[in-house]
Amino acid sequence: MTHIMIDLEMNKVPKAERVKGGIHNEVIEIGAVKMNDNFEIIDKYQTYVFPEHGKMDRMIIRLTHITDEMLVGAPLYDEAMSAFLDWIGEEDVTFYSWSMADIRQLRHESSIKKCHLDDVEKMEKSWVDFQEEFSRLLHIKNRIKLKDAVASADYVFTGDEHTALSDAVNTAEILILTKHEEEFKRVMKPVLELFTEDNTGSSLGSMCEDFFANYKVEE
């Protein structure tokens, strides 16, 4: 059994192309981390994907720093997914992502572009919403942002936010932490105490007070 953390970056499809093609977003980058059965990182994967419906949205460029020039020569979705599926391999796999947005995007894009839908539907059957799982472990009802999860685990974010491989690596590190129960309890002790004791956030310091000010405790 292998475990793969996946993160996608997507571009907004221009309105005119959206109506014509029936697709609102396109994958422009795939990042992934492969772990063995002991949740040890054994490989990493990254590829850009050339969008077929219009140029890069200005807001997405600001967010991801991915430009049209960077995507020149990148594979189209069909080819990029073929290479990614080859990298995944034939072993039994559990897939993870921060929320279910990525697998929904893969399913929709594969359906619209008529490629790899069977593969994606098979992936979906063993897909875990790690954002939901992490919130459950912290007894939080509301969903937590990835950067806040990283900060709460006293972990320094590696690389740039909103780059697919960096987000996958950082999310994988949090996943790995959750698989070591005693270490997880030790590292997350201030956060767990925040929700089980006075709920003031004083033990986390001012930064984490802001992070968790609007979260609700599970009863």
N, C-alpha and C. Protein backbone atom coordinates (compact mmCIF):
# COMPACT_ATOMS: atom_id res chain seq x y z
N MET A 1 0.84 -1.20 0.00
CA MET A 1 0.00 0.00 0.00
C MET A 1 0.88 1.25 0.00
N THR A 2 0.58 2.16 -0.91
CA THR A 2 1.25 3.46 -0.90
C THR A 2 0.20 4.54 -0.61
N HIS A 3 0.71 5.70 -0.20
CA HIS A 3 -0.14 6.83 0.13
C HIS A 3 0.36 8.03 -0.67
N ILE A 4 -0.56 8.71 -1.33
CA ILE A 4 -0.17 9.83 -2.19
C ILE A 4 -0.96 11.09 -1.82
N MET A 5 -0.23 12.13 -1.46
CA MET A 5 -0.83 13.43 -1.21
C MET A 5 -0.77 14.24 -2.50
N ILE A 6 -1.90 14.78 -2.93
CA ILE A 6 -2.00 15.48 -4.20
C ILE A 6 -2.43 16.93 -3.98
N ASP A 7 -1.84 17.82 -4.76
CA ASP A 7 -2.31 19.20 -4.79
C ASP A 7 -2.32 19.69 -6.23
N LEU A 8 -3.37 20.42 -6.58
CA LEU A 8 -3.50 20.97 -7.93
C LEU A 8 -3.56 22.49 -7.86
N GLU A 9 -3.00 23.13 -8.87
CA GLU A 9 -3.26 24.55 -9.10
C GLU A 9 -4.10 24.66 -10.36
N MET A 10 -5.06 25.58 -10.34
CA MET A 10 -6.01 25.69 -11.45
C MET A 10 -6.11 27.12 -11.95
N ASN A 11 -6.44 27.25 -13.21
CA ASN A 11 -6.65 28.55 -13.84
C ASN A 11 -8.13 28.74 -14.14
N LYS A 12 -8.60 29.98 -13.95
CA LYS A 12 -9.98 30.30 -14.31
C LYS A 12 -10.11 30.37 -15.83
N VAL A 13 -11.13 29.72 -16.34
CA VAL A 13 -11.40 29.76 -17.79
C VAL A 13 -12.18 31.05 -18.10
N PRO A 14 -11.75 31.81 -19.12
CA PRO A 14 -12.48 33.03 -19.50
C PRO A 14 -13.95 32.72 -19.82
N LYS A 15 -14.83 33.71 -19.59
CA LYS A 15 -16.27 33.50 -19.75
C LYS A 15 -16.65 32.94 -21.11
N ALA A 16 -16.12 33.52 -22.17
CA ALA A 16 -16.47 33.08 -23.52
C ALA A 16 -16.11 31.61 -23.72
N GLU A 17 -14.94 31.21 -23.25
CA GLU A 17 -14.50 29.82 -23.37
C GLU A 17 -15.29 28.91 -22.44
N ARG A 18 -15.71 29.47 -21.30
CA ARG A 18 -16.47 28.70 -20.31
C ARG A 18 -17.79 28.23 -20.89
N VAL A 19 -18.48 29.14 -21.56
CA VAL A 19 -19.76 28.81 -22.18
C VAL A 19 -19.57 27.77 -23.28
N LYS A 20 -18.53 27.95 -24.08
CA LYS A 20 -18.28 27.06 -25.21
C LYS A 20 -17.85 25.67 -24.75
N GLY A 21 -16.96 25.62 -23.76
CA GLY A 21 -16.39 24.33 -23.36
C GLY A 21 -17.04 23.68 -22.16
N GLY A 22 -17.86 24.45 -21.42
CA GLY A 22 -18.54 23.88 -20.25
C GLY A 22 -17.62 23.63 -19.08
N ILE A 23 -16.48 24.30 -19.04
CA ILE A 23 -15.53 24.10 -17.96
C ILE A 23 -15.15 25.44 -17.35
N HIS A 24 -15.15 25.53 -16.03
CA HIS A 24 -14.88 26.79 -15.33
C HIS A 24 -13.42 26.94 -14.96
N ASN A 25 -12.74 25.83 -14.69
CA ASN A 25 -11.33 25.86 -14.29
C ASN A 25 -10.58 24.75 -15.01
N GLU A 26 -9.29 24.98 -15.21
CA GLU A 26 -8.42 23.95 -15.79
C GLU A 26 -7.20 23.75 -14.90
N VAL A 27 -6.78 22.52 -14.77
CA VAL A 27 -5.55 22.20 -14.03
C VAL A 27 -4.35 22.78 -14.79
N ILE A 28 -3.50 23.52 -14.07
CA ILE A 28 -2.27 24.05 -14.67
C ILE A 28 -1.01 23.51 -13.98
N GLU A 29 -1.17 22.85 -12.85
CA GLU A 29 -0.02 22.24 -12.19
C GLU A 29 -0.49 21.08 -11.31
N ILE A 30 0.26 20.00 -11.35
CA ILE A 30 0.03 18.84 -10.49
C ILE A 30 1.26 18.65 -9.61
N GLY A 31 1.06 18.56 -8.31
CA GLY A 31 2.13 18.25 -7.38
C GLY A 31 1.71 17.08 -6.51
N ALA A 32 2.61 16.18 -6.21
CA ALA A 32 2.25 15.02 -5.40
C ALA A 32 3.44 14.48 -4.63
N VAL A 33 3.13 13.85 -3.52
CA VAL A 33 4.15 13.21 -2.67
C VAL A 33 3.71 11.77 -2.45
N LYS A 34 4.62 10.84 -2.71
CA LYS A 34 4.33 9.42 -2.51
C LYS A 34 4.99 8.94 -1.22
N MET A 35 4.22 8.23 -0.40
CA MET A 35 4.71 7.68 0.87
C MET A 35 4.50 6.17 0.89
N ASN A 36 5.37 5.48 1.60
CA ASN A 36 5.20 4.03 1.72
C ASN A 36 4.21 3.71 2.83
N ASP A 37 4.08 2.43 3.14
CA ASP A 37 3.08 2.00 4.12
C ASP A 37 3.38 2.52 5.52
N ASN A 38 4.64 2.94 5.76
CA ASN A 38 5.02 3.51 7.05
C ASN A 38 4.95 5.03 7.04
N PHE A 39 4.36 5.58 6.01
CA PHE A 39 4.23 7.03 5.84
C PHE A 39 5.59 7.73 5.83
N GLU A 40 6.51 7.11 5.10
CA GLU A 40 7.81 7.72 4.83
C GLU A 40 7.81 8.19 3.37
N ILE A 41 8.26 9.41 3.12
CA ILE A 41 8.26 9.95 1.77
C ILE A 41 9.28 9.21 0.91
N ILE A 42 8.83 8.69 -0.23
CA ILE A 42 9.72 7.93 -1.10
C ILE A 42 9.86 8.56 -2.49
N ASP A 43 8.99 9.50 -2.83
CA ASP A 43 9.10 10.13 -4.15
C ASP A 43 8.23 11.38 -4.20
N LYS A 44 8.55 12.27 -5.14
CA LYS A 44 7.78 13.50 -5.35
C LYS A 44 7.54 13.67 -6.84
N TYR A 45 6.48 14.39 -7.17
CA TYR A 45 6.11 14.57 -8.58
C TYR A 45 5.60 15.98 -8.80
N GLN A 46 5.99 16.56 -9.94
CA GLN A 46 5.49 17.88 -10.31
C GLN A 46 5.48 18.02 -11.82
N THR A 47 4.41 18.58 -12.34
CA THR A 47 4.36 18.93 -13.75
C THR A 47 3.42 20.11 -13.94
N TYR A 48 3.75 20.98 -14.88
CA TYR A 48 2.81 22.00 -15.32
C TYR A 48 1.90 21.37 -16.38
N VAL A 49 0.74 21.98 -16.58
CA VAL A 49 -0.23 21.50 -17.56
C VAL A 49 -0.68 22.70 -18.39
N PHE A 50 -0.62 22.56 -19.71
CA PHE A 50 -0.97 23.67 -20.58
C PHE A 50 -2.49 23.81 -20.68
N PRO A 51 -3.05 24.98 -20.35
CA PRO A 51 -4.51 25.16 -20.41
C PRO A 51 -5.00 25.26 -21.86
N GLU A 52 -6.09 24.60 -22.15
CA GLU A 52 -6.62 24.55 -23.52
C GLU A 52 -7.66 25.63 -23.80
N HIS A 53 -8.09 26.33 -22.75
CA HIS A 53 -9.17 27.31 -22.92
C HIS A 53 -8.74 28.68 -22.39
N GLY A 54 -7.96 29.40 -23.16
CA GLY A 54 -7.61 30.76 -22.80
C GLY A 54 -6.31 30.88 -22.04
N LYS A 55 -5.89 32.13 -21.86
CA LYS A 55 -4.63 32.43 -21.19
C LYS A 55 -4.82 32.46 -19.67
N MET A 56 -3.71 32.63 -18.97
CA MET A 56 -3.73 32.68 -17.52
C MET A 56 -4.50 33.90 -17.02
N ASP A 57 -5.35 33.67 -16.02
CA ASP A 57 -6.08 34.73 -15.35
C ASP A 57 -5.10 35.55 -14.50
N ARG A 58 -5.25 36.90 -14.53
CA ARG A 58 -4.31 37.76 -13.81
C ARG A 58 -4.29 37.49 -12.30
N MET A 59 -5.45 37.23 -11.72
CA MET A 59 -5.51 36.94 -10.30
C MET A 59 -4.78 35.63 -9.97
N ILE A 60 -4.93 34.64 -10.84
CA ILE A 60 -4.26 33.35 -10.62
C ILE A 60 -2.74 33.51 -10.76
N ILE A 61 -2.31 34.36 -11.69
CA ILE A 61 -0.87 34.63 -11.81
C ILE A 61 -0.33 35.22 -10.51
N ARG A 62 -1.07 36.18 -9.93
CA ARG A 62 -0.63 36.80 -8.68
C ARG A 62 -0.59 35.77 -7.55
N LEU A 63 -1.54 34.87 -7.55
CA LEU A 63 -1.65 33.88 -6.48
C LEU A 63 -0.59 32.80 -6.58
N THR A 64 -0.39 32.28 -7.80
CA THR A 64 0.49 31.11 -7.99
C THR A 64 1.87 31.46 -8.56
N HIS A 65 1.99 32.65 -9.13
CA HIS A 65 3.22 33.08 -9.83
C HIS A 65 3.49 32.22 -11.07
N ILE A 66 2.45 31.53 -11.55
CA ILE A 66 2.57 30.76 -12.79
C ILE A 66 2.12 31.65 -13.95
N THR A 67 2.99 31.85 -14.91
CA THR A 67 2.69 32.73 -16.04
C THR A 67 2.47 31.92 -17.31
N ASP A 68 1.92 32.59 -18.34
CA ASP A 68 1.73 31.93 -19.63
C ASP A 68 3.05 31.41 -20.18
N GLU A 69 4.11 32.18 -19.98
CA GLU A 69 5.43 31.79 -20.49
C GLU A 69 5.92 30.50 -19.84
N MET A 70 5.61 30.32 -18.56
CA MET A 70 6.05 29.11 -17.85
C MET A 70 5.34 27.86 -18.35
N LEU A 71 4.18 28.05 -18.96
CA LEU A 71 3.39 26.91 -19.42
C LEU A 71 3.65 26.52 -20.87
N VAL A 72 4.45 27.34 -21.55
CA VAL A 72 4.78 27.02 -22.95
C VAL A 72 5.54 25.68 -22.99
N GLY A 73 5.07 24.77 -23.81
CA GLY A 73 5.72 23.46 -23.93
C GLY A 73 5.25 22.43 -22.92
N ALA A 74 4.41 22.86 -21.97
CA ALA A 74 3.88 21.90 -20.98
C ALA A 74 2.88 20.97 -21.66
N PRO A 75 2.72 19.76 -21.15
CA PRO A 75 1.77 18.82 -21.77
C PRO A 75 0.33 19.28 -21.57
N LEU A 76 -0.54 18.90 -22.50
CA LEU A 76 -1.97 19.10 -22.33
C LEU A 76 -2.48 18.14 -21.24
N TYR A 77 -3.70 18.37 -20.79
CA TYR A 77 -4.26 17.60 -19.68
C TYR A 77 -4.19 16.09 -19.90
N ASP A 78 -4.57 15.64 -21.08
CA ASP A 78 -4.58 14.20 -21.38
C ASP A 78 -3.19 13.59 -21.18
N GLU A 79 -2.19 14.25 -21.77
CA GLU A 79 -0.81 13.74 -21.67
C GLU A 79 -0.28 13.85 -20.25
N ALA A 80 -0.58 14.97 -19.59
CA ALA A 80 -0.10 15.17 -18.22
C ALA A 80 -0.69 14.11 -17.28
N MET A 81 -1.97 13.81 -17.44
CA MET A 81 -2.60 12.80 -16.59
C MET A 81 -2.06 11.41 -16.89
N SER A 82 -1.75 11.12 -18.15
CA SER A 82 -1.16 9.82 -18.49
C SER A 82 0.17 9.63 -17.77
N ALA A 83 1.01 10.67 -17.80
CA ALA A 83 2.31 10.59 -17.13
C ALA A 83 2.14 10.48 -15.62
N PHE A 84 1.18 11.22 -15.08
CA PHE A 84 0.94 11.18 -13.63
C PHE A 84 0.44 9.80 -13.20
N LEU A 85 -0.45 9.22 -13.97
CA LEU A 85 -0.95 7.88 -13.65
C LEU A 85 0.15 6.84 -13.73
N ASP A 86 1.07 6.99 -14.67
CA ASP A 86 2.23 6.10 -14.75
C ASP A 86 3.08 6.21 -13.49
N TRP A 87 3.25 7.44 -13.01
CA TRP A 87 4.04 7.67 -11.79
C TRP A 87 3.36 7.05 -10.58
N ILE A 88 2.04 7.12 -10.51
CA ILE A 88 1.30 6.54 -9.39
C ILE A 88 1.57 5.05 -9.30
N GLY A 89 1.61 4.36 -10.43
CA GLY A 89 1.93 2.94 -10.44
C GLY A 89 0.72 2.04 -10.24
N GLU A 90 0.98 0.76 -10.09
CA GLU A 90 -0.07 -0.25 -10.03
C GLU A 90 -0.41 -0.71 -8.62
N GLU A 91 0.34 -0.26 -7.61
CA GLU A 91 0.05 -0.68 -6.24
C GLU A 91 -1.27 -0.13 -5.76
N ASP A 92 -1.80 -0.73 -4.70
CA ASP A 92 -2.97 -0.16 -4.02
C ASP A 92 -2.56 1.18 -3.43
N VAL A 93 -3.39 2.19 -3.63
CA VAL A 93 -3.05 3.55 -3.19
C VAL A 93 -4.21 4.17 -2.44
N THR A 94 -3.89 4.89 -1.37
CA THR A 94 -4.83 5.80 -0.75
C THR A 94 -4.40 7.21 -1.12
N PHE A 95 -5.33 8.00 -1.64
CA PHE A 95 -5.04 9.37 -2.06
C PHE A 95 -5.57 10.34 -1.02
N TYR A 96 -4.85 11.46 -0.87
CA TYR A 96 -5.23 12.49 0.09
C TYR A 96 -5.11 13.85 -0.58
N SER A 97 -5.96 14.77 -0.13
CA SER A 97 -5.80 16.17 -0.53
C SER A 97 -6.42 17.03 0.56
N TRP A 98 -6.08 18.32 0.52
CA TRP A 98 -6.63 19.25 1.49
C TRP A 98 -7.98 19.72 0.96
N SER A 99 -9.05 19.02 1.34
CA SER A 99 -10.43 19.16 0.88
C SER A 99 -10.63 18.26 -0.35
N MET A 100 -11.86 18.21 -0.81
CA MET A 100 -12.19 17.36 -1.95
C MET A 100 -12.23 18.13 -3.27
N ALA A 101 -11.81 19.38 -3.25
CA ALA A 101 -11.87 20.21 -4.46
C ALA A 101 -11.04 19.62 -5.60
N ASP A 102 -9.89 19.03 -5.28
CA ASP A 102 -8.99 18.54 -6.33
C ASP A 102 -9.57 17.34 -7.07
N ILE A 103 -10.14 16.39 -6.33
CA ILE A 103 -10.70 15.22 -7.01
C ILE A 103 -11.96 15.61 -7.78
N ARG A 104 -12.72 16.58 -7.28
CA ARG A 104 -13.88 17.06 -8.05
C ARG A 104 -13.43 17.71 -9.36
N GLN A 105 -12.31 18.47 -9.29
CA GLN A 105 -11.78 19.09 -10.50
C GLN A 105 -11.32 18.04 -11.50
N LEU A 106 -10.60 17.02 -11.04
CA LEU A 106 -10.13 15.97 -11.93
C LEU A 106 -11.30 15.24 -12.59
N ARG A 107 -12.33 14.96 -11.79
CA ARG A 107 -13.49 14.25 -12.34
C ARG A 107 -14.18 15.10 -13.40
N HIS A 108 -14.39 16.37 -13.10
CA HIS A 108 -15.10 17.24 -14.04
C HIS A 108 -14.28 17.47 -15.31
N GLU A 109 -12.99 17.75 -15.13
CA GLU A 109 -12.16 18.03 -16.30
C GLU A 109 -11.99 16.79 -17.17
N SER A 110 -11.84 15.65 -16.53
CA SER A 110 -11.71 14.40 -17.30
C SER A 110 -12.99 14.11 -18.06
N SER A 111 -14.13 14.44 -17.46
CA SER A 111 -15.42 14.22 -18.12
C SER A 111 -15.57 15.16 -19.32
N ILE A 112 -15.27 16.43 -19.13
CA ILE A 112 -15.40 17.41 -20.21
C ILE A 112 -14.45 17.10 -21.36
N LYS A 113 -13.20 16.73 -21.01
CA LYS A 113 -12.18 16.49 -22.04
C LYS A 113 -12.15 15.05 -22.53
N LYS A 114 -13.06 14.23 -21.96
CA LYS A 114 -13.23 12.84 -22.41
C LYS A 114 -11.93 12.04 -22.39
N CYS A 115 -11.28 12.08 -21.25
CA CYS A 115 -10.05 11.29 -21.08
C CYS A 115 -9.85 10.97 -19.59
N HIS A 116 -9.43 9.76 -19.31
CA HIS A 116 -9.02 9.31 -17.98
C HIS A 116 -10.15 9.33 -16.94
N LEU A 117 -11.39 9.40 -17.37
CA LEU A 117 -12.48 9.46 -16.38
C LEU A 117 -12.55 8.18 -15.56
N ASP A 118 -12.36 7.03 -16.18
CA ASP A 118 -12.38 5.76 -15.43
C ASP A 118 -11.27 5.73 -14.38
N ASP A 119 -10.09 6.22 -14.76
CA ASP A 119 -8.96 6.25 -13.82
C ASP A 119 -9.27 7.17 -12.64
N VAL A 120 -9.83 8.33 -12.93
CA VAL A 120 -10.13 9.30 -11.87
C VAL A 120 -11.22 8.77 -10.95
N GLU A 121 -12.24 8.13 -11.51
CA GLU A 121 -13.31 7.58 -10.68
C GLU A 121 -12.77 6.47 -9.77
N LYS A 122 -11.81 5.71 -10.27
CA LYS A 122 -11.16 4.69 -9.44
C LYS A 122 -10.37 5.35 -8.31
N MET A 123 -9.66 6.43 -8.61
CA MET A 123 -8.92 7.18 -7.58
C MET A 123 -9.87 7.71 -6.51
N GLU A 124 -11.01 8.20 -6.95
CA GLU A 124 -11.96 8.82 -6.02
C GLU A 124 -12.45 7.85 -4.95
N LYS A 125 -12.51 6.58 -5.30
CA LYS A 125 -13.00 5.57 -4.35
C LYS A 125 -12.06 5.39 -3.16
N SER A 126 -10.80 5.76 -3.33
CA SER A 126 -9.85 5.63 -2.22
C SER A 126 -9.25 6.99 -1.86
N TRP A 127 -10.07 8.03 -1.96
CA TRP A 127 -9.62 9.40 -1.72
C TRP A 127 -10.05 9.87 -0.34
N VAL A 128 -9.14 10.52 0.40
CA VAL A 128 -9.41 11.00 1.76
C VAL A 128 -9.35 12.52 1.79
N ASP A 129 -10.37 13.13 2.38
CA ASP A 129 -10.37 14.57 2.61
C ASP A 129 -9.56 14.82 3.88
N PHE A 130 -8.27 15.14 3.71
CA PHE A 130 -7.41 15.29 4.89
C PHE A 130 -7.70 16.57 5.67
N GLN A 131 -8.24 17.57 5.03
CA GLN A 131 -8.65 18.78 5.75
C GLN A 131 -9.72 18.42 6.79
N GLU A 132 -10.69 17.64 6.38
CA GLU A 132 -11.75 17.20 7.29
C GLU A 132 -11.18 16.30 8.39
N GLU A 133 -10.28 15.40 8.01
CA GLU A 133 -9.67 14.49 8.99
C GLU A 133 -8.87 15.26 10.03
N PHE A 134 -8.11 16.27 9.60
CA PHE A 134 -7.28 17.05 10.52
C PHE A 134 -8.18 17.85 11.48
N SER A 135 -9.24 18.44 10.98
CA SER A 135 -10.17 19.17 11.83
C SER A 135 -10.81 18.24 12.86
N ARG A 136 -11.12 17.02 12.44
CA ARG A 136 -11.71 16.04 13.36
C ARG A 136 -10.74 15.69 14.48
N LEU A 137 -9.48 15.52 14.14
CA LEU A 137 -8.47 15.18 15.14
C LEU A 137 -8.28 16.30 16.17
N LEU A 138 -8.53 17.54 15.74
CA LEU A 138 -8.41 18.68 16.65
C LEU A 138 -9.74 19.05 17.30
N HIS A 139 -10.79 18.26 17.01
CA HIS A 139 -12.12 18.50 17.56
C HIS A 139 -12.67 19.86 17.13
N ILE A 140 -12.37 20.25 15.88
CA ILE A 140 -12.84 21.52 15.34
C ILE A 140 -13.97 21.24 14.36
N LYS A 141 -15.06 21.98 14.48
CA LYS A 141 -16.17 21.81 13.54
C LYS A 141 -15.86 22.47 12.20
N ASN A 142 -15.33 23.68 12.25
CA ASN A 142 -15.05 24.41 11.02
C ASN A 142 -13.77 23.90 10.38
N ARG A 143 -13.66 24.08 9.07
CA ARG A 143 -12.46 23.65 8.35
C ARG A 143 -11.34 24.66 8.54
N ILE A 144 -10.12 24.18 8.61
CA ILE A 144 -8.95 24.99 8.85
C ILE A 144 -8.14 25.13 7.56
N LYS A 145 -7.55 26.30 7.33
CA LYS A 145 -6.73 26.52 6.15
C LYS A 145 -5.41 25.76 6.30
N LEU A 146 -4.80 25.41 5.16
CA LEU A 146 -3.55 24.67 5.19
C LEU A 146 -2.46 25.44 5.93
N LYS A 147 -2.30 26.73 5.64
CA LYS A 147 -1.23 27.51 6.28
C LYS A 147 -1.44 27.57 7.79
N ASP A 148 -2.70 27.56 8.25
CA ASP A 148 -2.97 27.57 9.68
C ASP A 148 -2.68 26.20 10.31
N ALA A 149 -2.95 25.14 9.55
CA ALA A 149 -2.62 23.80 10.03
C ALA A 149 -1.12 23.65 10.20
N VAL A 150 -0.37 24.17 9.23
CA VAL A 150 1.09 24.12 9.30
C VAL A 150 1.59 24.90 10.51
N ALA A 151 1.04 26.10 10.72
CA ALA A 151 1.46 26.92 11.85
C ALA A 151 1.09 26.27 13.18
N SER A 152 -0.10 25.66 13.25
CA SER A 152 -0.53 25.04 14.50
C SER A 152 0.34 23.86 14.88
N ALA A 153 0.94 23.22 13.88
CA ALA A 153 1.82 22.08 14.14
C ALA A 153 3.26 22.52 14.39
N ASP A 154 3.46 23.84 14.53
CA ASP A 154 4.79 24.39 14.78
C ASP A 154 5.76 23.97 13.69
N TYR A 155 5.29 24.02 12.46
CA TYR A 155 6.06 23.58 11.30
C TYR A 155 6.23 24.75 10.36
N VAL A 156 7.43 24.98 9.87
CA VAL A 156 7.70 26.08 8.96
C VAL A 156 7.34 25.65 7.54
N PHE A 157 6.46 26.42 6.89
CA PHE A 157 6.02 26.11 5.53
C PHE A 157 7.22 26.06 4.60
N THR A 158 7.35 24.97 3.85
CA THR A 158 8.46 24.78 2.92
C THR A 158 8.04 25.25 1.53
N GLY A 159 8.87 26.10 0.90
CA GLY A 159 8.56 26.57 -0.45
C GLY A 159 7.53 27.68 -0.43
N ASP A 160 6.94 27.93 -1.59
CA ASP A 160 5.95 28.99 -1.75
C ASP A 160 4.54 28.42 -1.68
N GLU A 161 3.67 29.14 -0.97
CA GLU A 161 2.26 28.76 -0.97
C GLU A 161 1.69 28.84 -2.38
N HIS A 162 0.70 28.00 -2.62
CA HIS A 162 0.01 27.96 -3.92
C HIS A 162 0.95 27.55 -5.05
N THR A 163 1.96 26.75 -4.72
CA THR A 163 2.67 25.97 -5.74
C THR A 163 2.34 24.52 -5.40
N ALA A 164 1.98 23.76 -6.40
CA ALA A 164 1.39 22.45 -6.15
C ALA A 164 2.30 21.52 -5.35
N LEU A 165 3.58 21.44 -5.72
CA LEU A 165 4.47 20.52 -5.02
C LEU A 165 4.71 20.97 -3.58
N SER A 166 4.93 22.27 -3.36
CA SER A 166 5.14 22.76 -2.00
C SER A 166 3.93 22.49 -1.12
N ASP A 167 2.74 22.75 -1.64
CA ASP A 167 1.53 22.49 -0.86
C ASP A 167 1.39 21.00 -0.57
N ALA A 168 1.72 20.14 -1.54
CA ALA A 168 1.64 18.70 -1.33
C ALA A 168 2.65 18.24 -0.28
N VAL A 169 3.87 18.77 -0.35
CA VAL A 169 4.91 18.41 0.63
C VAL A 169 4.49 18.82 2.04
N ASN A 170 4.03 20.05 2.20
CA ASN A 170 3.65 20.53 3.52
C ASN A 170 2.46 19.79 4.07
N THR A 171 1.50 19.46 3.21
CA THR A 171 0.34 18.70 3.68
C THR A 171 0.74 17.28 4.04
N ALA A 172 1.65 16.70 3.29
CA ALA A 172 2.14 15.35 3.60
C ALA A 172 2.84 15.33 4.95
N GLU A 173 3.60 16.37 5.26
CA GLU A 173 4.29 16.43 6.56
C GLU A 173 3.28 16.45 7.71
N ILE A 174 2.18 17.17 7.53
CA ILE A 174 1.14 17.18 8.56
C ILE A 174 0.47 15.81 8.66
N LEU A 175 0.22 15.18 7.52
CA LEU A 175 -0.34 13.82 7.52
C LEU A 175 0.57 12.87 8.27
N ILE A 176 1.86 12.92 7.97
CA ILE A 176 2.82 12.04 8.64
C ILE A 176 2.80 12.25 10.15
N LEU A 177 2.71 13.51 10.57
CA LEU A 177 2.65 13.81 12.01
C LEU A 177 1.44 13.14 12.66
N THR A 178 0.30 13.14 11.97
CA THR A 178 -0.91 12.55 12.56
C THR A 178 -0.80 11.04 12.72
N LYS A 179 0.12 10.43 11.99
CA LYS A 179 0.27 8.98 12.05
C LYS A 179 1.18 8.54 13.20
N HIS A 180 1.75 9.49 13.93
CA HIS A 180 2.57 9.20 15.10
C HIS A 180 1.85 9.79 16.31
N GLU A 181 1.01 8.98 16.94
CA GLU A 181 0.04 9.46 17.91
C GLU A 181 0.67 10.27 19.05
N GLU A 182 1.71 9.75 19.66
CA GLU A 182 2.31 10.45 20.80
C GLU A 182 2.96 11.77 20.38
N GLU A 183 3.64 11.75 19.24
CA GLU A 183 4.27 12.97 18.73
C GLU A 183 3.21 14.00 18.36
N PHE A 184 2.11 13.53 17.76
CA PHE A 184 1.02 14.43 17.39
C PHE A 184 0.44 15.10 18.64
N LYS A 185 0.21 14.31 19.69
CA LYS A 185 -0.33 14.87 20.93
C LYS A 185 0.63 15.87 21.55
N ARG A 186 1.93 15.57 21.48
CA ARG A 186 2.92 16.48 22.07
C ARG A 186 2.98 17.79 21.30
N VAL A 187 3.08 17.69 19.97
CA VAL A 187 3.21 18.89 19.14
C VAL A 187 1.93 19.72 19.18
N MET A 188 0.78 19.05 19.16
CA MET A 188 -0.49 19.76 19.08
C MET A 188 -1.11 20.05 20.44
N LYS A 189 -0.38 19.77 21.51
CA LYS A 189 -0.92 19.93 22.86
C LYS A 189 -1.52 21.32 23.09
N PRO A 190 -0.82 22.41 22.72
CA PRO A 190 -1.42 23.74 22.95
C PRO A 190 -2.74 23.93 22.22
N VAL A 191 -2.83 23.40 21.00
CA VAL A 191 -4.06 23.55 20.22
C VAL A 191 -5.18 22.72 20.84
N LEU A 192 -4.87 21.50 21.22
CA LEU A 192 -5.87 20.64 21.83
C LEU A 192 -6.36 21.24 23.14
N GLU A 193 -5.45 21.82 23.91
CA GLU A 193 -5.83 22.45 25.18
C GLU A 193 -6.70 23.68 24.94
N LEU A 194 -6.44 24.37 23.86
CA LEU A 194 -7.23 25.56 23.52
C LEU A 194 -8.71 25.21 23.44
N PHE A 195 -9.00 24.05 22.84
CA PHE A 195 -10.39 23.69 22.61
C PHE A 195 -11.00 22.87 23.75
N THR A 196 -10.17 22.29 24.60
CA THR A 196 -10.72 21.47 25.67
C THR A 196 -10.75 22.19 27.01
N GLU A 197 -10.07 23.35 27.11
CA GLU A 197 -10.05 24.04 28.40
C GLU A 197 -10.79 25.38 28.33
N ASP A 198 -10.03 26.50 28.28
CA ASP A 198 -10.68 27.79 28.44
C ASP A 198 -11.11 28.45 27.14
N ASN A 199 -10.63 27.93 26.00
CA ASN A 199 -11.02 28.47 24.69
C ASN A 199 -10.66 29.94 24.49
N THR A 200 -9.63 30.41 25.21
CA THR A 200 -9.21 31.81 25.06
C THR A 200 -8.08 31.97 24.07
N GLY A 201 -7.31 30.90 23.86
CA GLY A 201 -6.17 30.98 22.94
C GLY A 201 -4.92 31.53 23.58
N SER A 202 -4.92 31.83 24.87
CA SER A 202 -3.75 32.46 25.50
C SER A 202 -2.52 31.59 25.45
N SER A 203 -2.67 30.30 25.47
CA SER A 203 -1.51 29.41 25.45
C SER A 203 -0.85 29.32 24.08
N LEU A 204 -1.54 29.80 23.03
CA LEU A 204 -1.00 29.75 21.68
C LEU A 204 -0.30 31.04 21.27
N GLY A 205 -0.50 32.12 22.00
CA GLY A 205 0.07 33.40 21.59
C GLY A 205 -0.84 34.13 20.63
N SER A 206 -0.55 35.35 20.39
CA SER A 206 -1.45 36.21 19.62
C SER A 206 -1.66 35.72 18.19
N MET A 207 -0.63 35.13 17.57
CA MET A 207 -0.78 34.71 16.18
C MET A 207 -1.84 33.62 16.06
N CYS A 208 -1.77 32.64 16.88
CA CYS A 208 -2.72 31.54 16.78
C CYS A 208 -4.09 31.90 17.32
N GLU A 209 -4.16 32.92 18.17
CA GLU A 209 -5.47 33.39 18.57
C GLU A 209 -6.26 33.84 17.35
N ASP A 210 -5.58 34.55 16.45
CA ASP A 210 -6.23 34.99 15.22
C ASP A 210 -6.63 33.81 14.35
N PHE A 211 -5.73 32.81 14.26
CA PHE A 211 -6.01 31.64 13.43
C PHE A 211 -7.30 30.95 13.85
N PHE A 212 -7.51 30.81 15.17
CA PHE A 212 -8.58 29.95 15.66
C PHE A 212 -9.75 30.72 16.27
N ALA A 213 -9.75 32.05 16.13
CA ALA A 213 -10.77 32.86 16.78
C ALA A 213 -12.19 32.47 16.39
N ASN A 214 -12.39 32.03 15.14
CA ASN A 214 -13.74 31.76 14.66
C ASN A 214 -14.09 30.27 14.61
N TYR A 215 -13.19 29.42 15.12
CA TYR A 215 -13.46 27.99 15.06
C TYR A 215 -14.33 27.57 16.24
N LYS A 216 -15.13 26.54 16.04
CA LYS A 216 -16.02 26.04 17.07
C LYS A 216 -15.55 24.65 17.52
N VAL A 217 -15.72 24.38 18.77
CA VAL A 217 -15.30 23.10 19.32
C VAL A 217 -16.39 22.06 19.12
N GLU A 218 -15.98 20.85 18.74
CA GLU A 218 -16.95 19.76 18.66
C GLU A 218 -17.39 19.38 20.07
N GLU A 219 -18.65 19.09 20.22
CA GLU A 219 -19.16 18.69 21.54
C GLU A 219 -19.30 17.18 21.63
